[in-house]
Amino acid sequence: STSGRSRRLPCIVADSGGAIVTRRREVENAVRDIVESIGASVTFERRSGHTKATLAYAGRSRFLSLSYTPSDRSAHKAAAQDARRVLQSMGASL
């Protein structure tokens, strides 16, 4: 009997939160690797639930909105591909 107390599931909350942080780092690292491999720079900023990546190359800058969920195991691949497209639109050859 729980005696009227609410049941807490700390392991589920911790796993879910940890997965989000891990996925965010994974996505940011994938974008950073692509960007820095060609000598460009990137900064990350959390905005209203999504992370905003600002890519700078050859005096130009563009932003990219990064989205991910804990269950999306290929989010880093999609983010890296988006970064490649943005960099190519800025004149980079990859």
C-alpha atoms as a PDB file:
ATOM      1  CA  SER A   1       0.000   0.000   0.000  1.00  0.00           C
ATOM      2  CA  THR A   2       1.275   3.481  -0.846  1.00  0.00           C
ATOM      3  CA  SER A   3      -0.756   5.214   1.916  1.00  0.00           C
ATOM      4  CA  GLY A   4      -1.931   7.963  -0.429  1.00  0.00           C
ATOM      5  CA  ARG A   5       1.603   8.947  -1.445  1.00  0.00           C
ATOM      6  CA  SER A   6       2.409   9.313  -5.107  1.00  0.00           C
ATOM      7  CA  ARG A   7       4.750   6.715  -6.543  1.00  0.00           C
ATOM      8  CA  ARG A   8       8.030   8.080  -7.803  1.00  0.00           C
ATOM      9  CA  LEU A   9      10.005   6.401 -10.534  1.00  0.00           C
ATOM     10  CA  PRO A  10      13.420   8.030 -10.206  1.00  0.00           C
ATOM     11  CA  CYS A  11      15.226   5.583 -12.462  1.00  0.00           C
ATOM     12  CA  ILE A  12      12.940   6.351 -15.402  1.00  0.00           C
ATOM     13  CA  VAL A  13      13.262  10.099 -14.901  1.00  0.00           C
ATOM     14  CA  ALA A  14      17.043   9.877 -14.555  1.00  0.00           C
ATOM     15  CA  ASP A  15      17.401   7.640 -17.608  1.00  0.00           C
ATOM     16  CA  SER A  16      15.180   9.839 -19.740  1.00  0.00           C
ATOM     17  CA  GLY A  17      16.962  13.055 -18.731  1.00  0.00           C
ATOM     18  CA  GLY A  18      20.355  11.463 -19.160  1.00  0.00           C
ATOM     19  CA  ALA A  19      19.434  10.197 -22.601  1.00  0.00           C
ATOM     20  CA  ILE A  20      18.433  13.685 -23.696  1.00  0.00           C
ATOM     21  CA  VAL A  21      21.731  15.175 -22.529  1.00  0.00           C
ATOM     22  CA  THR A  22      23.680  12.342 -24.131  1.00  0.00           C
ATOM     23  CA  ARG A  23      21.786  12.694 -27.417  1.00  0.00           C
ATOM     24  CA  ARG A  24      22.308  16.482 -27.388  1.00  0.00           C
ATOM     25  CA  ARG A  25      26.058  16.046 -26.886  1.00  0.00           C
ATOM     26  CA  GLU A  26      26.162  13.401 -29.601  1.00  0.00           C
ATOM     27  CA  VAL A  27      24.391  15.711 -32.064  1.00  0.00           C
ATOM     28  CA  GLU A  28      26.534  18.729 -31.136  1.00  0.00           C
ATOM     29  CA  ASN A  29      29.747  16.708 -31.432  1.00  0.00           C
ATOM     30  CA  ALA A  30      28.742  15.396 -34.868  1.00  0.00           C
ATOM     31  CA  VAL A  31      28.094  18.945 -36.105  1.00  0.00           C
ATOM     32  CA  ARG A  32      31.298  20.255 -34.470  1.00  0.00           C
ATOM     33  CA  ASP A  33      33.386  17.512 -36.152  1.00  0.00           C
ATOM     34  CA  ILE A  34      32.049  18.371 -39.635  1.00  0.00           C
ATOM     35  CA  VAL A  35      32.377  22.120 -39.146  1.00  0.00           C
ATOM     36  CA  GLU A  36      35.869  22.098 -37.661  1.00  0.00           C
ATOM     37  CA  SER A  37      37.155  19.618 -40.255  1.00  0.00           C
ATOM     38  CA  ILE A  38      36.989  22.369 -42.888  1.00  0.00           C
ATOM     39  CA  GLY A  39      38.229  25.188 -40.670  1.00  0.00           C
ATOM     40  CA  ALA A  40      34.847  26.727 -39.944  1.00  0.00           C
ATOM     41  CA  SER A  41      33.513  27.519 -36.477  1.00  0.00           C
ATOM     42  CA  VAL A  42      30.302  26.735 -34.642  1.00  0.00           C
ATOM     43  CA  THR A  43      28.575  27.926 -31.489  1.00  0.00           C
ATOM     44  CA  PHE A  44      25.597  26.300 -29.793  1.00  0.00           C
ATOM     45  CA  GLU A  45      22.759  28.009 -27.943  1.00  0.00           C
ATOM     46  CA  ARG A  46      19.672  26.443 -26.359  1.00  0.00           C
ATOM     47  CA  ARG A  47      16.516  28.196 -27.521  1.00  0.00           C
ATOM     48  CA  SER A  48      12.933  27.230 -26.685  1.00  0.00           C
ATOM     49  CA  GLY A  49      13.568  23.505 -26.556  1.00  0.00           C
ATOM     50  CA  HIS A  50      15.854  23.212 -29.568  1.00  0.00           C
ATOM     51  CA  THR A  51      19.532  23.916 -29.890  1.00  0.00           C
ATOM     52  CA  LYS A  52      20.579  26.629 -32.329  1.00  0.00           C
ATOM     53  CA  ALA A  53      23.918  26.071 -34.044  1.00  0.00           C
ATOM     54  CA  THR A  54      25.506  29.119 -35.646  1.00  0.00           C
ATOM     55  CA  LEU A  55      28.021  28.136 -38.329  1.00  0.00           C
ATOM     56  CA  ALA A  56      30.619  30.644 -39.526  1.00  0.00           C
ATOM     57  CA  TYR A  57      32.737  30.164 -42.652  1.00  0.00           C
ATOM     58  CA  ALA A  58      34.584  32.591 -44.935  1.00  0.00           C
ATOM     59  CA  GLY A  59      33.098  35.672 -43.307  1.00  0.00           C
ATOM     60  CA  ARG A  60      29.534  34.367 -43.584  1.00  0.00           C
ATOM     61  CA  SER A  61      27.319  32.849 -40.929  1.00  0.00           C
ATOM     62  CA  ARG A  62      24.161  30.759 -40.972  1.00  0.00           C
ATOM     63  CA  PHE A  63      22.151  29.125 -38.254  1.00  0.00           C
ATOM     64  CA  LEU A  64      20.827  25.612 -38.031  1.00  0.00           C
ATOM     65  CA  SER A  65      18.135  24.377 -35.663  1.00  0.00           C
ATOM     66  CA  LEU A  66      19.010  20.997 -34.160  1.00  0.00           C
ATOM     67  CA  SER A  67      16.301  18.675 -32.922  1.00  0.00           C
ATOM     68  CA  TYR A  68      16.658  15.301 -31.267  1.00  0.00           C
ATOM     69  CA  THR A  69      14.843  12.917 -28.973  1.00  0.00           C
ATOM     70  CA  PRO A  70      16.234  10.244 -26.678  1.00  0.00           C
ATOM     71  CA  SER A  71      14.909   7.492 -28.945  1.00  0.00           C
ATOM     72  CA  ASP A  72      16.306   8.916 -32.198  1.00  0.00           C
ATOM     73  CA  ARG A  73      19.548   7.009 -32.608  1.00  0.00           C
ATOM     74  CA  SER A  74      20.349   8.570 -35.974  1.00  0.00           C
ATOM     75  CA  ALA A  75      19.844  12.213 -34.945  1.00  0.00           C
ATOM     76  CA  HIS A  76      23.587  12.877 -35.095  1.00  0.00           C
ATOM     77  CA  LYS A  77      23.741  11.641 -38.703  1.00  0.00           C
ATOM     78  CA  ALA A  78      20.869  13.899 -39.752  1.00  0.00           C
ATOM     79  CA  ALA A  79      22.420  16.882 -37.963  1.00  0.00           C
ATOM     80  CA  ALA A  80      25.801  16.262 -39.608  1.00  0.00           C
ATOM     81  CA  GLN A  81      24.153  16.097 -43.039  1.00  0.00           C
ATOM     82  CA  ASP A  82      22.255  19.345 -42.357  1.00  0.00           C
ATOM     83  CA  ALA A  83      25.537  21.005 -41.337  1.00  0.00           C
ATOM     84  CA  ARG A  84      27.179  19.811 -44.580  1.00  0.00           C
ATOM     85  CA  ARG A  85      24.345  21.297 -46.638  1.00  0.00           C
ATOM     86  CA  VAL A  86      24.549  24.634 -44.827  1.00  0.00           C
ATOM     87  CA  LEU A  87      28.335  24.770 -45.226  1.00  0.00           C
ATOM     88  CA  GLN A  88      28.080  23.946 -48.932  1.00  0.00           C
ATOM     89  CA  SER A  89      25.553  26.773 -49.358  1.00  0.00           C
ATOM     90  CA  MET A  90      28.208  29.058 -47.841  1.00  0.00           C
ATOM     91  CA  GLY A  91      30.791  27.990 -50.420  1.00  0.00           C
ATOM     92  CA  ALA A  92      32.617  25.240 -48.550  1.00  0.00           C
ATOM     93  CA  SER A  93      33.718  22.165 -50.461  1.00  0.00           C
ATOM     94  CA  LEU A  94      33.312  18.969 -48.501  1.00  0.00           C
END
